[in-house]
């Protein structure tokens, strides 16, 4: 597997970029890692980079995009923040990846048993621990929680059903925010130059499902 060049990147469609990631996850799950010479890829990318996808994922140590999609150096822009939500800086990074560097796909990748989302559900408990910046982060999920929680349902990370619904809605909310808050990415998608998609990684199986 060679590093992508300007020429190979230019031939990749958004649909093909998505297929590359799907195939990579199948290799990952099957423990059939592609044969790569990473030092050769270091040399091949020393003058520039031509990634085909931008992946926004959680900081969770189990969700490295390069590993679970079996990609090499220079293949993907990897953006990571606890809870895989977007803000202005992350949107700017995505705009750079797609509009400047030529990536064809934006993936918002959630995952099961997300600690940041658990923190959002247990916000009252977390707020008593005196971590101001963590409190600010988990507050991002409160509007979604209030929308999806059912009358009388327990608001707790122990509520597995609520946690997984929050995971799914959080990914969809991030995609909506990308389209609403970035006219650049919305335009690129409307022109067919990129795709914006959601996915979910199962920490028990290694399987990525596409939403």
C-alpha atoms as a PDB file:
ATOM      1  CA  UNK A   1       0.000   0.000   0.000  1.00  0.00           C
ATOM      2  CA  UNK A   2       1.558   3.248  -1.179  1.00  0.00           C
ATOM      3  CA  UNK A   3       0.910   6.720   0.212  1.00  0.00           C
ATOM      4  CA  UNK A   4      -1.573   8.789  -1.775  1.00  0.00           C
ATOM      5  CA  UNK A   5      -0.257  11.372  -4.198  1.00  0.00           C
ATOM      6  CA  UNK A   6      -1.874  14.408  -5.753  1.00  0.00           C
ATOM      7  CA  UNK A   7      -2.639  12.289  -8.806  1.00  0.00           C
ATOM      8  CA  UNK A   8      -4.261   9.399  -6.927  1.00  0.00           C
ATOM      9  CA  UNK A   9      -6.245  11.750  -4.678  1.00  0.00           C
ATOM     10  CA  UNK A  10      -7.660  13.550  -7.716  1.00  0.00           C
ATOM     11  CA  UNK A  11      -9.145  10.306  -9.043  1.00  0.00           C
ATOM     12  CA  UNK A  12     -10.971   9.450  -5.800  1.00  0.00           C
ATOM     13  CA  UNK A  13     -14.701  10.177  -5.641  1.00  0.00           C
ATOM     14  CA  UNK A  14     -16.582  10.648  -2.349  1.00  0.00           C
ATOM     15  CA  UNK A  15     -18.147   7.223  -2.906  1.00  0.00           C
ATOM     16  CA  UNK A  16     -14.748   5.609  -3.440  1.00  0.00           C
ATOM     17  CA  UNK A  17     -13.353   7.317  -0.334  1.00  0.00           C
ATOM     18  CA  UNK A  18     -16.177   5.805   1.692  1.00  0.00           C
ATOM     19  CA  UNK A  19     -15.493   2.398   0.170  1.00  0.00           C
ATOM     20  CA  UNK A  20     -11.812   2.676   1.166  1.00  0.00           C
ATOM     21  CA  UNK A  21     -12.853   3.114   4.815  1.00  0.00           C
ATOM     22  CA  UNK A  22     -15.402   0.312   4.685  1.00  0.00           C
ATOM     23  CA  UNK A  23     -12.827  -2.053   3.212  1.00  0.00           C
ATOM     24  CA  UNK A  24     -10.282  -0.936   5.798  1.00  0.00           C
ATOM     25  CA  UNK A  25     -12.594  -1.706   8.692  1.00  0.00           C
ATOM     26  CA  UNK A  26     -13.319  -5.124   7.238  1.00  0.00           C
ATOM     27  CA  UNK A  27      -9.575  -5.795   7.188  1.00  0.00           C
ATOM     28  CA  UNK A  28      -9.279  -4.539  10.762  1.00  0.00           C
ATOM     29  CA  UNK A  29     -12.056  -6.795  12.031  1.00  0.00           C
ATOM     30  CA  UNK A  30     -10.619  -9.737  10.100  1.00  0.00           C
ATOM     31  CA  UNK A  31      -7.112  -9.041  11.464  1.00  0.00           C
ATOM     32  CA  UNK A  32      -5.891  -8.736   7.860  1.00  0.00           C
ATOM     33  CA  UNK A  33      -3.891  -5.530   8.024  1.00  0.00           C
ATOM     34  CA  UNK A  34      -2.708  -4.230   4.658  1.00  0.00           C
ATOM     35  CA  UNK A  35       1.009  -4.537   4.000  1.00  0.00           C
ATOM     36  CA  UNK A  36       2.575  -1.096   4.389  1.00  0.00           C
ATOM     37  CA  UNK A  37       6.102   0.193   4.691  1.00  0.00           C
ATOM     38  CA  UNK A  38       5.467   3.121   7.036  1.00  0.00           C
ATOM     39  CA  UNK A  39       8.993   4.467   6.718  1.00  0.00           C
ATOM     40  CA  UNK A  40       8.560   4.459   2.954  1.00  0.00           C
ATOM     41  CA  UNK A  41       5.341   6.415   3.449  1.00  0.00           C
ATOM     42  CA  UNK A  42       7.229   8.896   5.622  1.00  0.00           C
ATOM     43  CA  UNK A  43       9.590   9.456   2.716  1.00  0.00           C
ATOM     44  CA  UNK A  44       6.771   9.612   0.166  1.00  0.00           C
ATOM     45  CA  UNK A  45       4.875  12.272   2.119  1.00  0.00           C
ATOM     46  CA  UNK A  46       7.819  14.471   3.126  1.00  0.00           C
ATOM     47  CA  UNK A  47       6.953  17.074   0.471  1.00  0.00           C
ATOM     48  CA  UNK A  48       3.200  17.083   1.065  1.00  0.00           C
ATOM     49  CA  UNK A  49       0.042  15.201   1.998  1.00  0.00           C
ATOM     50  CA  UNK A  50      -3.026  14.187   0.025  1.00  0.00           C
ATOM     51  CA  UNK A  51      -5.519  12.538   2.436  1.00  0.00           C
ATOM     52  CA  UNK A  52      -8.794  11.331   0.959  1.00  0.00           C
ATOM     53  CA  UNK A  53     -10.945  11.682   4.112  1.00  0.00           C
ATOM     54  CA  UNK A  54     -11.462  13.734   7.267  1.00  0.00           C
ATOM     55  CA  UNK A  55     -12.550  11.734  10.312  1.00  0.00           C
ATOM     56  CA  UNK A  56     -13.918  13.389  13.444  1.00  0.00           C
ATOM     57  CA  UNK A  57     -13.797  10.921  16.317  1.00  0.00           C
ATOM     58  CA  UNK A  58     -13.655  10.827  20.104  1.00  0.00           C
ATOM     59  CA  UNK A  59     -10.362  10.967  22.016  1.00  0.00           C
ATOM     60  CA  UNK A  60     -11.175   7.494  23.383  1.00  0.00           C
ATOM     61  CA  UNK A  61      -7.981   5.449  23.169  1.00  0.00           C
ATOM     62  CA  UNK A  62      -9.839   2.654  21.368  1.00  0.00           C
ATOM     63  CA  UNK A  63     -11.045   4.767  18.438  1.00  0.00           C
ATOM     64  CA  UNK A  64      -7.948   5.699  16.441  1.00  0.00           C
ATOM     65  CA  UNK A  65      -9.223   6.231  12.891  1.00  0.00           C
ATOM     66  CA  UNK A  66      -5.981   5.086  11.270  1.00  0.00           C
ATOM     67  CA  UNK A  67      -6.172   1.760  13.100  1.00  0.00           C
ATOM     68  CA  UNK A  68      -9.858   0.878  12.879  1.00  0.00           C
ATOM     69  CA  UNK A  69      -9.992   1.853   9.190  1.00  0.00           C
ATOM     70  CA  UNK A  70      -6.555   0.324   8.475  1.00  0.00           C
ATOM     71  CA  UNK A  71      -5.061   3.422   6.862  1.00  0.00           C
ATOM     72  CA  UNK A  72      -1.491   4.606   6.569  1.00  0.00           C
ATOM     73  CA  UNK A  73       0.453   7.833   6.834  1.00  0.00           C
ATOM     74  CA  UNK A  74      -1.045  10.609   4.751  1.00  0.00           C
ATOM     75  CA  UNK A  75      -4.389   8.859   4.165  1.00  0.00           C
ATOM     76  CA  UNK A  76      -6.754  10.649   6.565  1.00  0.00           C
ATOM     77  CA  UNK A  77      -7.036  13.855   8.530  1.00  0.00           C
ATOM     78  CA  UNK A  78      -7.860  12.735  12.063  1.00  0.00           C
ATOM     79  CA  UNK A  79      -9.707  15.250  14.273  1.00  0.00           C
ATOM     80  CA  UNK A  80     -10.344  14.128  17.839  1.00  0.00           C
ATOM     81  CA  UNK A  81     -12.310  15.610  20.722  1.00  0.00           C
ATOM     82  CA  UNK A  82     -14.110  13.922  23.599  1.00  0.00           C
ATOM     83  CA  UNK A  83     -17.666  13.262  22.446  1.00  0.00           C
ATOM     84  CA  UNK A  84     -16.935  13.921  18.728  1.00  0.00           C
ATOM     85  CA  UNK A  85     -18.881  17.194  18.516  1.00  0.00           C
ATOM     86  CA  UNK A  86     -18.027  20.190  16.340  1.00  0.00           C
ATOM     87  CA  UNK A  87     -17.025  23.749  17.152  1.00  0.00           C
ATOM     88  CA  UNK A  88     -15.664  26.593  15.040  1.00  0.00           C
ATOM     89  CA  UNK A  89     -12.061  25.399  15.205  1.00  0.00           C
ATOM     90  CA  UNK A  90     -13.011  21.864  14.202  1.00  0.00           C
ATOM     91  CA  UNK A  91     -15.119  23.184  11.331  1.00  0.00           C
ATOM     92  CA  UNK A  92     -12.131  25.240  10.207  1.00  0.00           C
ATOM     93  CA  UNK A  93      -9.993  22.109  10.263  1.00  0.00           C
ATOM     94  CA  UNK A  94     -12.584  20.275   8.167  1.00  0.00           C
ATOM     95  CA  UNK A  95     -12.736  23.153   5.698  1.00  0.00           C
ATOM     96  CA  UNK A  96      -8.963  23.032   5.344  1.00  0.00           C
ATOM     97  CA  UNK A  97      -9.039  19.267   4.841  1.00  0.00           C
ATOM     98  CA  UNK A  98     -11.679  19.382   2.114  1.00  0.00           C
ATOM     99  CA  UNK A  99     -11.483  22.787   0.432  1.00  0.00           C
ATOM    100  CA  UNK A 100      -7.715  23.276   0.602  1.00  0.00           C
ATOM    101  CA  UNK A 101      -6.154  19.817   0.857  1.00  0.00           C
ATOM    102  CA  UNK A 102      -8.670  17.998  -1.356  1.00  0.00           C
ATOM    103  CA  UNK A 103     -10.258  15.371   0.904  1.00  0.00           C
ATOM    104  CA  UNK A 104     -13.463  13.878  -0.487  1.00  0.00           C
ATOM    105  CA  UNK A 105     -15.209  12.606   2.636  1.00  0.00           C
ATOM    106  CA  UNK A 106     -16.111  13.844   6.121  1.00  0.00           C
ATOM    107  CA  UNK A 107     -16.936  11.164   8.686  1.00  0.00           C
ATOM    108  CA  UNK A 108     -18.371  11.824  12.139  1.00  0.00           C
ATOM    109  CA  UNK A 109     -17.500   8.704  14.104  1.00  0.00           C
ATOM    110  CA  UNK A 110     -19.236   7.962  17.391  1.00  0.00           C
ATOM    111  CA  UNK A 111     -18.646   4.888  19.506  1.00  0.00           C
ATOM    112  CA  UNK A 112     -20.383   2.687  22.028  1.00  0.00           C
ATOM    113  CA  UNK A 113     -19.855   3.220  25.753  1.00  0.00           C
ATOM    114  CA  UNK A 114     -18.522   6.761  25.225  1.00  0.00           C
ATOM    115  CA  UNK A 115     -17.133   8.218  28.450  1.00  0.00           C
ATOM    116  CA  UNK A 116     -17.864  11.812  27.425  1.00  0.00           C
ATOM    117  CA  UNK A 117     -21.514  10.983  26.798  1.00  0.00           C
ATOM    118  CA  UNK A 118     -21.649   9.102  30.089  1.00  0.00           C
ATOM    119  CA  UNK A 119     -20.377  12.292  31.695  1.00  0.00           C
ATOM    120  CA  UNK A 120     -23.178  14.227  30.032  1.00  0.00           C
ATOM    121  CA  UNK A 121     -25.736  11.875  31.499  1.00  0.00           C
ATOM    122  CA  UNK A 122     -24.115  12.072  34.943  1.00  0.00           C
ATOM    123  CA  UNK A 123     -23.483  15.825  34.729  1.00  0.00           C
ATOM    124  CA  UNK A 124     -24.750  16.584  38.231  1.00  0.00           C
ATOM    125  CA  UNK A 125     -22.264  14.130  39.687  1.00  0.00           C
ATOM    126  CA  UNK A 126     -19.385  15.357  37.484  1.00  0.00           C
ATOM    127  CA  UNK A 127     -20.010  18.993  38.351  1.00  0.00           C
ATOM    128  CA  UNK A 128     -19.322  18.189  41.984  1.00  0.00           C
ATOM    129  CA  UNK A 129     -15.773  17.133  41.163  1.00  0.00           C
ATOM    130  CA  UNK A 130     -14.508  20.670  40.526  1.00  0.00           C
ATOM    131  CA  UNK A 131     -13.329  20.289  36.917  1.00  0.00           C
ATOM    132  CA  UNK A 132     -14.473  23.487  35.226  1.00  0.00           C
ATOM    133  CA  UNK A 133     -13.363  22.686  31.676  1.00  0.00           C
ATOM    134  CA  UNK A 134     -14.725  19.149  31.742  1.00  0.00           C
ATOM    135  CA  UNK A 135     -18.029  20.546  32.971  1.00  0.00           C
ATOM    136  CA  UNK A 136     -18.063  22.907  29.995  1.00  0.00           C
ATOM    137  CA  UNK A 137     -17.412  20.031  27.592  1.00  0.00           C
ATOM    138  CA  UNK A 138     -20.128  17.691  28.839  1.00  0.00           C
ATOM    139  CA  UNK A 139     -22.663  20.559  28.818  1.00  0.00           C
ATOM    140  CA  UNK A 140     -22.600  20.271  25.004  1.00  0.00           C
ATOM    141  CA  UNK A 141     -24.688  17.110  25.238  1.00  0.00           C
ATOM    142  CA  UNK A 142     -27.406  18.436  27.560  1.00  0.00           C
ATOM    143  CA  UNK A 143     -29.752  19.774  24.826  1.00  0.00           C
ATOM    144  CA  UNK A 144     -29.704  16.412  23.048  1.00  0.00           C
ATOM    145  CA  UNK A 145     -30.318  14.514  26.287  1.00  0.00           C
ATOM    146  CA  UNK A 146     -33.320  16.686  27.105  1.00  0.00           C
ATOM    147  CA  UNK A 147     -34.726  16.019  23.631  1.00  0.00           C
ATOM    148  CA  UNK A 148     -34.408  12.233  23.639  1.00  0.00           C
ATOM    149  CA  UNK A 149     -35.034  11.260  27.262  1.00  0.00           C
ATOM    150  CA  UNK A 150     -38.472   9.819  27.876  1.00  0.00           C
ATOM    151  CA  UNK A 151     -40.814  10.778  30.686  1.00  0.00           C
ATOM    152  CA  UNK A 152     -39.804   8.980  33.853  1.00  0.00           C
ATOM    153  CA  UNK A 153     -36.655   7.539  32.293  1.00  0.00           C
ATOM    154  CA  UNK A 154     -33.538   7.425  34.441  1.00  0.00           C
ATOM    155  CA  UNK A 155     -30.909   9.974  33.425  1.00  0.00           C
ATOM    156  CA  UNK A 156     -27.807   7.926  34.151  1.00  0.00           C
ATOM    157  CA  UNK A 157     -24.834   6.415  32.349  1.00  0.00           C
ATOM    158  CA  UNK A 158     -26.076   3.106  33.730  1.00  0.00           C
ATOM    159  CA  UNK A 159     -29.092   3.421  31.412  1.00  0.00           C
ATOM    160  CA  UNK A 160     -27.574   1.593  28.414  1.00  0.00           C
ATOM    161  CA  UNK A 161     -30.521   2.293  26.126  1.00  0.00           C
ATOM    162  CA  UNK A 162     -30.388   6.039  26.746  1.00  0.00           C
ATOM    163  CA  UNK A 163     -26.599   6.093  26.361  1.00  0.00           C
ATOM    164  CA  UNK A 164     -26.740   4.445  22.943  1.00  0.00           C
ATOM    165  CA  UNK A 165     -29.596   6.678  21.766  1.00  0.00           C
ATOM    166  CA  UNK A 166     -27.514   9.649  22.853  1.00  0.00           C
ATOM    167  CA  UNK A 167     -24.558   8.293  20.894  1.00  0.00           C
ATOM    168  CA  UNK A 168     -26.610   7.986  17.711  1.00  0.00           C
ATOM    169  CA  UNK A 169     -28.261  11.393  18.086  1.00  0.00           C
ATOM    170  CA  UNK A 170     -24.956  13.051  18.936  1.00  0.00           C
ATOM    171  CA  UNK A 171     -23.472  11.889  15.630  1.00  0.00           C
ATOM    172  CA  UNK A 172     -26.499  13.111  13.701  1.00  0.00           C
ATOM    173  CA  UNK A 173     -26.433  16.421  15.582  1.00  0.00           C
ATOM    174  CA  UNK A 174     -22.760  16.923  14.661  1.00  0.00           C
ATOM    175  CA  UNK A 175     -23.564  16.308  10.989  1.00  0.00           C
ATOM    176  CA  UNK A 176     -26.415  18.836  11.151  1.00  0.00           C
ATOM    177  CA  UNK A 177     -24.078  21.350  12.772  1.00  0.00           C
ATOM    178  CA  UNK A 178     -21.494  20.877  10.015  1.00  0.00           C
ATOM    179  CA  UNK A 179     -24.060  21.659   7.350  1.00  0.00           C
ATOM    180  CA  UNK A 180     -25.605  24.558   9.247  1.00  0.00           C
ATOM    181  CA  UNK A 181     -22.423  26.205  10.471  1.00  0.00           C
ATOM    182  CA  UNK A 182     -20.099  25.723   7.491  1.00  0.00           C
ATOM    183  CA  UNK A 183     -21.347  27.177   4.224  1.00  0.00           C
ATOM    184  CA  UNK A 184     -18.118  25.908   2.641  1.00  0.00           C
ATOM    185  CA  UNK A 185     -18.703  22.257   3.506  1.00  0.00           C
ATOM    186  CA  UNK A 186     -22.407  22.498   2.714  1.00  0.00           C
ATOM    187  CA  UNK A 187     -21.579  23.900  -0.724  1.00  0.00           C
ATOM    188  CA  UNK A 188     -18.979  21.207  -1.415  1.00  0.00           C
ATOM    189  CA  UNK A 189     -21.512  18.537  -0.487  1.00  0.00           C
ATOM    190  CA  UNK A 190     -24.230  20.071  -2.656  1.00  0.00           C
ATOM    191  CA  UNK A 191     -21.788  20.193  -5.571  1.00  0.00           C
ATOM    192  CA  UNK A 192     -21.019  16.493  -5.097  1.00  0.00           C
ATOM    193  CA  UNK A 193     -17.369  17.142  -4.296  1.00  0.00           C
ATOM    194  CA  UNK A 194     -17.597  15.623  -0.814  1.00  0.00           C
ATOM    195  CA  UNK A 195     -19.865  13.411   1.268  1.00  0.00           C
ATOM    196  CA  UNK A 196     -20.657  14.004   4.942  1.00  0.00           C
ATOM    197  CA  UNK A 197     -21.577  10.776   6.720  1.00  0.00           C
ATOM    198  CA  UNK A 198     -21.995   9.355  10.203  1.00  0.00           C
ATOM    199  CA  UNK A 199     -20.754   6.093  11.645  1.00  0.00           C
ATOM    200  CA  UNK A 200     -20.588   4.218  14.917  1.00  0.00           C
ATOM    201  CA  UNK A 201     -17.711   2.103  16.236  1.00  0.00           C
ATOM    202  CA  UNK A 202     -18.466  -0.842  18.525  1.00  0.00           C
ATOM    203  CA  UNK A 203     -15.722  -1.095  21.152  1.00  0.00           C
ATOM    204  CA  UNK A 204     -16.617  -4.737  21.808  1.00  0.00           C
ATOM    205  CA  UNK A 205     -16.350  -6.021  18.234  1.00  0.00           C
ATOM    206  CA  UNK A 206     -14.298  -3.476  16.293  1.00  0.00           C
ATOM    207  CA  UNK A 207     -17.079  -3.167  13.726  1.00  0.00           C
ATOM    208  CA  UNK A 208     -18.034   0.202  12.249  1.00  0.00           C
ATOM    209  CA  UNK A 209     -21.670   0.605  11.212  1.00  0.00           C
ATOM    210  CA  UNK A 210     -22.679   3.424   8.902  1.00  0.00           C
ATOM    211  CA  UNK A 211     -25.623   5.601   9.840  1.00  0.00           C
END
